[in-house]
């Protein structure tokens, strides 16, 4: 049995997997997410600090939801985060489409087996008899 203290409230709980927070804090966080999601749907032009202030949520939590692709913003929205690889502005996730394609290409190349080297051919002599050096 793996017992830990909740990172949010400090209560002791039975830890199974995922973030080290108790079930009550998970439920409260999910309720806040639903509130933020509804707010973003109604106020499409709101910025991250404005959403955080109106919904009483940390900006880092909103950015985490964006990185996890739980929150997605429309193309006309001023909200965006930077691609972790090239710094381009994206609406959701961690990487832009170009960087994702590059990573997929690199991973597919890394997964391939290298080509086997061609076997070296032995040189043949015209006279196949054994030769001795001391005669």
N, C-alpha and C. Protein backbone atom coordinates (compact mmCIF):
# COMPACT_ATOMS: atom_id res chain seq x y z
N UNK A 1 0.85 -1.17 0.00
CA UNK A 1 0.00 0.00 0.00
C UNK A 1 0.90 1.23 0.00
N UNK A 2 0.68 2.12 -0.94
CA UNK A 2 1.49 3.31 -1.10
C UNK A 2 0.69 4.52 -0.57
N UNK A 3 1.10 5.06 0.56
CA UNK A 3 0.40 6.17 1.19
C UNK A 3 1.24 7.43 1.02
N UNK A 4 0.57 8.50 0.60
CA UNK A 4 1.25 9.79 0.41
C UNK A 4 0.40 10.92 0.95
N UNK A 5 1.03 12.08 1.07
CA UNK A 5 0.29 13.30 1.41
C UNK A 5 -0.12 13.99 0.11
N UNK A 6 -1.33 14.52 0.10
CA UNK A 6 -1.83 15.24 -1.06
C UNK A 6 -1.01 16.51 -1.26
N UNK A 7 -0.62 16.75 -2.49
CA UNK A 7 0.17 17.93 -2.80
C UNK A 7 -0.65 19.22 -2.63
N UNK A 8 -1.96 19.14 -2.79
CA UNK A 8 -2.81 20.33 -2.69
C UNK A 8 -3.26 20.63 -1.27
N UNK A 9 -3.84 19.63 -0.60
CA UNK A 9 -4.43 19.89 0.72
C UNK A 9 -3.63 19.32 1.88
N UNK A 10 -2.72 18.39 1.62
CA UNK A 10 -1.89 17.82 2.67
C UNK A 10 -2.46 16.59 3.34
N UNK A 11 -3.65 16.16 2.98
CA UNK A 11 -4.26 14.97 3.58
C UNK A 11 -3.51 13.71 3.13
N UNK A 12 -3.54 12.70 3.97
CA UNK A 12 -2.95 11.41 3.63
C UNK A 12 -3.96 10.63 2.80
N UNK A 13 -3.48 9.99 1.72
CA UNK A 13 -4.37 9.20 0.87
C UNK A 13 -3.60 8.03 0.28
N UNK A 14 -4.33 7.06 -0.23
CA UNK A 14 -3.74 5.89 -0.87
C UNK A 14 -3.42 6.26 -2.31
N UNK A 15 -2.13 6.33 -2.63
CA UNK A 15 -1.69 6.74 -3.95
C UNK A 15 -1.64 5.55 -4.89
N UNK A 16 -2.27 5.68 -6.06
CA UNK A 16 -2.25 4.62 -7.06
C UNK A 16 -1.39 5.00 -8.25
N UNK A 17 -1.71 6.11 -8.91
CA UNK A 17 -0.93 6.58 -10.06
C UNK A 17 -1.34 8.01 -10.38
N UNK A 18 -0.60 8.63 -11.29
CA UNK A 18 -0.91 9.98 -11.71
C UNK A 18 -0.35 11.02 -10.77
N UNK A 19 -0.90 12.23 -10.82
CA UNK A 19 -0.40 13.28 -9.93
C UNK A 19 -0.69 12.94 -8.47
N UNK A 20 0.21 13.30 -7.57
CA UNK A 20 0.02 12.92 -6.15
C UNK A 20 -0.96 13.84 -5.43
N UNK A 21 -2.24 13.76 -5.82
CA UNK A 21 -3.29 14.52 -5.14
C UNK A 21 -4.44 13.57 -4.82
N UNK A 22 -5.17 13.88 -3.75
CA UNK A 22 -6.26 13.02 -3.30
C UNK A 22 -7.46 13.14 -4.24
N UNK A 23 -8.40 12.23 -4.08
CA UNK A 23 -9.57 12.19 -4.96
C UNK A 23 -10.43 13.45 -4.83
N UNK A 24 -10.55 13.99 -3.62
CA UNK A 24 -11.34 15.20 -3.42
C UNK A 24 -10.72 16.37 -4.19
N UNK A 25 -9.40 16.49 -4.17
CA UNK A 25 -8.73 17.57 -4.90
C UNK A 25 -8.82 17.35 -6.41
N UNK A 26 -8.77 16.08 -6.85
CA UNK A 26 -8.95 15.78 -8.28
C UNK A 26 -10.33 16.21 -8.74
N UNK A 27 -11.34 15.92 -7.92
CA UNK A 27 -12.71 16.30 -8.27
C UNK A 27 -12.87 17.81 -8.32
N UNK A 28 -12.25 18.50 -7.36
CA UNK A 28 -12.32 19.97 -7.33
C UNK A 28 -11.61 20.56 -8.55
N UNK A 29 -10.47 19.97 -8.93
CA UNK A 29 -9.71 20.46 -10.09
C UNK A 29 -10.51 20.23 -11.37
N UNK A 30 -11.19 19.09 -11.47
CA UNK A 30 -12.01 18.80 -12.64
C UNK A 30 -13.21 19.76 -12.73
N UNK A 31 -13.79 20.11 -11.58
CA UNK A 31 -14.89 21.08 -11.57
C UNK A 31 -14.39 22.45 -12.05
N UNK A 32 -13.19 22.85 -11.61
CA UNK A 32 -12.61 24.12 -12.07
C UNK A 32 -12.35 24.08 -13.57
N UNK A 33 -11.89 22.92 -14.07
CA UNK A 33 -11.65 22.79 -15.50
C UNK A 33 -12.94 23.00 -16.28
N UNK A 34 -14.02 22.38 -15.83
CA UNK A 34 -15.31 22.53 -16.52
C UNK A 34 -15.77 23.98 -16.48
N UNK A 35 -15.51 24.68 -15.36
CA UNK A 35 -15.87 26.09 -15.24
C UNK A 35 -15.05 26.93 -16.23
N UNK A 36 -13.76 26.67 -16.33
CA UNK A 36 -12.89 27.41 -17.25
C UNK A 36 -13.30 27.12 -18.69
N UNK A 37 -13.61 25.87 -18.99
CA UNK A 37 -14.03 25.48 -20.34
C UNK A 37 -15.30 26.23 -20.76
N UNK A 38 -16.27 26.30 -19.86
CA UNK A 38 -17.51 27.03 -20.15
C UNK A 38 -17.24 28.53 -20.31
N UNK A 39 -16.34 29.08 -19.48
CA UNK A 39 -16.00 30.50 -19.56
C UNK A 39 -15.34 30.81 -20.90
N UNK A 40 -14.42 29.96 -21.33
CA UNK A 40 -13.72 30.18 -22.60
C UNK A 40 -14.70 30.08 -23.76
N UNK A 41 -15.66 29.18 -23.67
CA UNK A 41 -16.65 29.04 -24.72
C UNK A 41 -17.51 30.30 -24.85
N UNK A 42 -17.84 30.91 -23.71
CA UNK A 42 -18.67 32.12 -23.73
C UNK A 42 -17.87 33.38 -24.05
N UNK A 43 -16.61 33.44 -23.63
CA UNK A 43 -15.76 34.62 -23.82
C UNK A 43 -14.55 34.23 -24.67
N UNK A 44 -14.75 34.16 -25.96
CA UNK A 44 -13.71 33.66 -26.88
C UNK A 44 -12.51 34.59 -26.97
N UNK A 45 -12.66 35.86 -26.70
CA UNK A 45 -11.56 36.82 -26.83
C UNK A 45 -10.82 37.08 -25.52
N UNK A 46 -11.14 36.34 -24.47
CA UNK A 46 -10.50 36.55 -23.16
C UNK A 46 -9.06 36.06 -23.19
N UNK A 47 -8.21 36.74 -22.42
CA UNK A 47 -6.80 36.34 -22.32
C UNK A 47 -6.63 35.38 -21.14
N UNK A 48 -5.47 34.75 -21.06
CA UNK A 48 -5.21 33.80 -19.97
C UNK A 48 -5.28 34.48 -18.61
N UNK A 49 -4.65 35.65 -18.41
CA UNK A 49 -4.78 36.29 -17.09
C UNK A 49 -6.22 36.66 -16.74
N UNK A 50 -7.00 37.07 -17.72
CA UNK A 50 -8.39 37.42 -17.47
C UNK A 50 -9.19 36.17 -17.09
N UNK A 51 -8.95 35.06 -17.79
CA UNK A 51 -9.63 33.80 -17.46
C UNK A 51 -9.26 33.37 -16.05
N UNK A 52 -7.97 33.45 -15.72
CA UNK A 52 -7.49 33.04 -14.39
C UNK A 52 -8.13 33.89 -13.29
N UNK A 53 -8.23 35.18 -13.53
CA UNK A 53 -8.82 36.07 -12.52
C UNK A 53 -10.31 35.82 -12.37
N UNK A 54 -11.03 35.70 -13.47
CA UNK A 54 -12.48 35.54 -13.40
C UNK A 54 -12.89 34.16 -12.86
N UNK A 55 -12.11 33.14 -13.16
CA UNK A 55 -12.44 31.78 -12.72
C UNK A 55 -11.69 31.37 -11.45
N UNK A 56 -10.84 32.24 -10.94
CA UNK A 56 -10.05 31.98 -9.73
C UNK A 56 -9.22 30.70 -9.87
N UNK A 57 -8.43 30.67 -10.94
CA UNK A 57 -7.54 29.55 -11.25
C UNK A 57 -6.17 30.13 -11.54
N UNK A 58 -5.11 29.37 -11.21
CA UNK A 58 -3.75 29.80 -11.52
C UNK A 58 -3.53 29.79 -13.04
N UNK A 59 -2.75 30.75 -13.53
CA UNK A 59 -2.44 30.77 -14.96
C UNK A 59 -1.63 29.54 -15.35
N UNK A 60 -0.79 29.06 -14.43
CA UNK A 60 0.00 27.86 -14.73
C UNK A 60 -0.91 26.65 -14.93
N UNK A 61 -2.03 26.58 -14.19
CA UNK A 61 -2.97 25.48 -14.35
C UNK A 61 -3.64 25.56 -15.71
N UNK A 62 -3.99 26.75 -16.16
CA UNK A 62 -4.60 26.92 -17.48
C UNK A 62 -3.60 26.52 -18.56
N UNK A 63 -2.35 26.94 -18.41
CA UNK A 63 -1.33 26.57 -19.39
C UNK A 63 -1.10 25.06 -19.40
N UNK A 64 -1.19 24.42 -18.25
CA UNK A 64 -1.04 22.96 -18.19
C UNK A 64 -2.18 22.29 -18.96
N UNK A 65 -3.40 22.77 -18.80
CA UNK A 65 -4.52 22.21 -19.54
C UNK A 65 -4.34 22.41 -21.04
N UNK A 66 -3.77 23.54 -21.44
CA UNK A 66 -3.51 23.78 -22.86
C UNK A 66 -2.46 22.79 -23.36
N UNK A 67 -1.38 22.61 -22.60
CA UNK A 67 -0.31 21.68 -22.99
C UNK A 67 -0.81 20.24 -23.06
N UNK A 68 -1.74 19.87 -22.18
CA UNK A 68 -2.32 18.53 -22.18
C UNK A 68 -3.36 18.36 -23.28
N UNK A 69 -3.64 19.40 -24.03
CA UNK A 69 -4.62 19.44 -25.11
C UNK A 69 -6.05 19.24 -24.62
N UNK A 70 -6.29 19.64 -23.38
CA UNK A 70 -7.65 19.60 -22.84
C UNK A 70 -8.39 20.87 -23.22
N UNK A 71 -7.67 21.99 -23.30
CA UNK A 71 -8.26 23.25 -23.75
C UNK A 71 -7.71 23.56 -25.14
N UNK A 72 -8.62 23.83 -26.06
CA UNK A 72 -8.25 24.19 -27.43
C UNK A 72 -8.94 25.50 -27.75
N UNK A 73 -8.19 26.42 -28.33
CA UNK A 73 -8.74 27.74 -28.64
C UNK A 73 -8.93 27.90 -30.14
N UNK A 74 -9.90 28.76 -30.50
CA UNK A 74 -10.18 29.02 -31.90
C UNK A 74 -9.04 29.82 -32.53
N UNK A 75 -9.01 29.82 -33.85
CA UNK A 75 -7.95 30.53 -34.58
C UNK A 75 -8.00 32.04 -34.35
N UNK A 76 -9.18 32.60 -34.12
CA UNK A 76 -9.29 34.05 -33.91
C UNK A 76 -9.05 34.46 -32.45
N UNK A 77 -8.78 33.50 -31.59
CA UNK A 77 -8.53 33.79 -30.18
C UNK A 77 -7.11 34.34 -29.99
N UNK A 78 -6.95 35.30 -29.07
CA UNK A 78 -5.60 35.83 -28.82
C UNK A 78 -4.74 34.90 -27.96
N UNK A 79 -5.34 33.84 -27.45
CA UNK A 79 -4.62 32.92 -26.56
C UNK A 79 -3.80 31.94 -27.38
N UNK A 80 -2.60 31.75 -26.94
CA UNK A 80 -1.72 30.77 -27.56
C UNK A 80 -0.53 30.53 -26.66
N UNK A 81 0.14 29.43 -26.90
CA UNK A 81 1.37 29.12 -26.18
C UNK A 81 2.46 28.88 -27.22
N UNK A 82 3.68 28.92 -26.76
CA UNK A 82 4.80 28.73 -27.68
C UNK A 82 5.13 27.25 -27.81
N UNK A 83 5.51 26.86 -29.02
CA UNK A 83 5.99 25.51 -29.28
C UNK A 83 7.27 25.32 -28.47
N UNK A 84 7.38 24.19 -27.79
CA UNK A 84 8.53 23.94 -26.94
C UNK A 84 9.81 23.71 -27.74
N UNK A 85 9.68 23.45 -29.04
CA UNK A 85 10.86 23.19 -29.85
C UNK A 85 11.32 24.44 -30.61
N UNK A 86 10.42 25.06 -31.37
CA UNK A 86 10.84 26.19 -32.21
C UNK A 86 10.32 27.54 -31.73
N UNK A 87 9.36 27.56 -30.82
CA UNK A 87 8.86 28.82 -30.28
C UNK A 87 7.70 29.42 -31.06
N UNK A 88 7.20 28.73 -32.08
CA UNK A 88 6.06 29.24 -32.85
C UNK A 88 4.81 29.25 -31.97
N UNK A 89 3.88 30.17 -32.28
CA UNK A 89 2.65 30.28 -31.51
C UNK A 89 1.69 29.17 -31.93
N UNK A 90 1.18 28.40 -30.95
CA UNK A 90 0.24 27.32 -31.21
C UNK A 90 -0.98 27.48 -30.31
N UNK A 91 -2.06 26.85 -30.65
CA UNK A 91 -3.32 26.97 -29.91
C UNK A 91 -3.47 25.94 -28.81
N UNK A 92 -2.84 24.79 -28.97
CA UNK A 92 -2.93 23.73 -27.97
C UNK A 92 -1.77 22.77 -28.14
N UNK A 93 -1.49 22.00 -27.11
CA UNK A 93 -0.43 21.01 -27.18
C UNK A 93 0.93 21.58 -26.79
N UNK A 94 1.98 20.82 -27.11
CA UNK A 94 3.34 21.22 -26.76
C UNK A 94 4.16 21.61 -27.97
N UNK A 95 3.83 21.04 -29.15
CA UNK A 95 4.63 21.26 -30.34
C UNK A 95 3.75 21.67 -31.51
N UNK A 96 4.32 22.45 -32.43
CA UNK A 96 3.59 22.84 -33.64
C UNK A 96 3.58 21.65 -34.61
N UNK A 97 2.78 21.76 -35.66
CA UNK A 97 2.63 20.66 -36.61
C UNK A 97 3.95 20.35 -37.32
N UNK A 98 4.72 21.37 -37.65
CA UNK A 98 6.00 21.16 -38.33
C UNK A 98 6.96 20.37 -37.44
N UNK A 99 7.06 20.74 -36.18
CA UNK A 99 7.96 20.04 -35.26
C UNK A 99 7.48 18.61 -35.02
N UNK A 100 6.16 18.40 -34.96
CA UNK A 100 5.63 17.05 -34.80
C UNK A 100 6.04 16.17 -35.97
N UNK A 101 5.92 16.71 -37.20
CA UNK A 101 6.31 15.94 -38.39
C UNK A 101 7.80 15.63 -38.37
N UNK A 102 8.62 16.60 -37.96
CA UNK A 102 10.06 16.38 -37.88
C UNK A 102 10.39 15.27 -36.88
N UNK A 103 9.73 15.31 -35.72
CA UNK A 103 9.98 14.29 -34.69
C UNK A 103 9.55 12.90 -35.16
N UNK A 104 8.42 12.83 -35.85
CA UNK A 104 7.96 11.53 -36.37
C UNK A 104 8.97 10.99 -37.37
N UNK A 105 9.49 11.86 -38.24
CA UNK A 105 10.49 11.43 -39.21
C UNK A 105 11.76 10.95 -38.54
N UNK A 106 12.21 11.66 -37.50
CA UNK A 106 13.41 11.26 -36.79
C UNK A 106 13.20 9.94 -36.06
N UNK A 107 12.04 9.76 -35.45
CA UNK A 107 11.77 8.52 -34.74
C UNK A 107 11.65 7.33 -35.70
N UNK A 108 11.06 7.55 -36.87
CA UNK A 108 10.95 6.45 -37.83
C UNK A 108 12.32 6.08 -38.38
N UNK A 109 13.20 7.06 -38.53
CA UNK A 109 14.56 6.76 -38.98
C UNK A 109 15.33 6.02 -37.89
N UNK A 110 15.11 6.36 -36.64
CA UNK A 110 15.82 5.71 -35.54
C UNK A 110 15.34 4.27 -35.35
N UNK A 111 14.12 3.99 -35.72
CA UNK A 111 13.58 2.65 -35.54
C UNK A 111 14.02 1.67 -36.61
N UNK A 112 14.56 2.16 -37.71
CA UNK A 112 15.00 1.27 -38.78
C UNK A 112 16.32 0.60 -38.43
N UNK A 113 16.48 -0.60 -38.92
CA UNK A 113 17.73 -1.30 -38.71
C UNK A 113 18.75 -0.79 -39.73
N UNK A 114 19.98 -0.66 -39.30
CA UNK A 114 20.99 -0.24 -40.27
C UNK A 114 21.23 -1.35 -41.30
N UNK A 115 21.59 -0.94 -42.49
CA UNK A 115 21.84 -1.91 -43.55
C UNK A 115 23.08 -2.73 -43.21
N UNK A 116 23.00 -4.01 -43.49
CA UNK A 116 24.13 -4.89 -43.20
C UNK A 116 25.26 -4.59 -44.19
N UNK A 117 26.50 -4.57 -43.73
CA UNK A 117 27.60 -4.31 -44.65
C UNK A 117 27.75 -5.49 -45.62
N UNK A 118 28.20 -5.17 -46.81
CA UNK A 118 28.39 -6.22 -47.81
C UNK A 118 29.56 -7.10 -47.40
N UNK A 119 29.43 -8.41 -47.60
CA UNK A 119 30.54 -9.29 -47.22
C UNK A 119 31.76 -9.05 -48.11
N UNK A 120 32.93 -9.17 -47.52
CA UNK A 120 34.18 -8.96 -48.24
C UNK A 120 34.51 -10.23 -49.00
N UNK A 121 34.79 -10.09 -50.28
CA UNK A 121 35.13 -11.26 -51.10
C UNK A 121 36.60 -11.59 -50.93
N UNK A 122 36.88 -12.86 -50.84
CA UNK A 122 38.27 -13.30 -50.74
C UNK A 122 38.93 -13.23 -52.10
N UNK A 123 40.19 -12.84 -52.09
CA UNK A 123 40.94 -12.80 -53.34
C UNK A 123 41.41 -14.22 -53.67
N UNK A 124 41.23 -14.57 -54.87
CA UNK A 124 41.66 -15.90 -55.30
C UNK A 124 42.97 -15.80 -56.06
N UNK A 125 43.79 -16.80 -55.91
CA UNK A 125 45.06 -16.86 -56.65
C UNK A 125 44.90 -17.82 -57.82
N UNK A 126 45.78 -17.63 -58.77
CA UNK A 126 45.72 -18.54 -59.91
C UNK A 126 46.17 -19.94 -59.51
N UNK A 127 47.19 -20.00 -58.62
CA UNK A 127 47.74 -21.29 -58.20
C UNK A 127 47.28 -21.57 -56.78
N UNK A 128 46.38 -22.51 -56.56
CA UNK A 128 45.83 -22.75 -55.24
C UNK A 128 46.73 -23.56 -54.32
N UNK A 129 47.99 -23.89 -54.75
CA UNK A 129 48.86 -24.70 -53.91
C UNK A 129 49.42 -23.89 -52.75
N UNK A 130 49.83 -24.59 -51.70
CA UNK A 130 50.41 -23.96 -50.53
C UNK A 130 51.85 -23.58 -50.83
N UNK A 131 52.30 -22.43 -50.31
CA UNK A 131 53.66 -21.97 -50.53
C UNK A 131 54.38 -21.87 -49.19
N UNK A 132 55.70 -22.11 -49.23
CA UNK A 132 56.53 -22.03 -48.03
C UNK A 132 57.56 -20.96 -48.23
N UNK A 133 57.91 -20.20 -47.20
CA UNK A 133 58.84 -19.09 -47.33
C UNK A 133 60.31 -19.52 -47.17
N UNK A 134 60.62 -20.59 -46.48
CA UNK A 134 62.00 -20.94 -46.20
C UNK A 134 62.65 -21.74 -47.32
N UNK A 135 62.09 -22.03 -48.40
CA UNK A 135 62.69 -22.79 -49.49
C UNK A 135 63.13 -21.92 -50.61
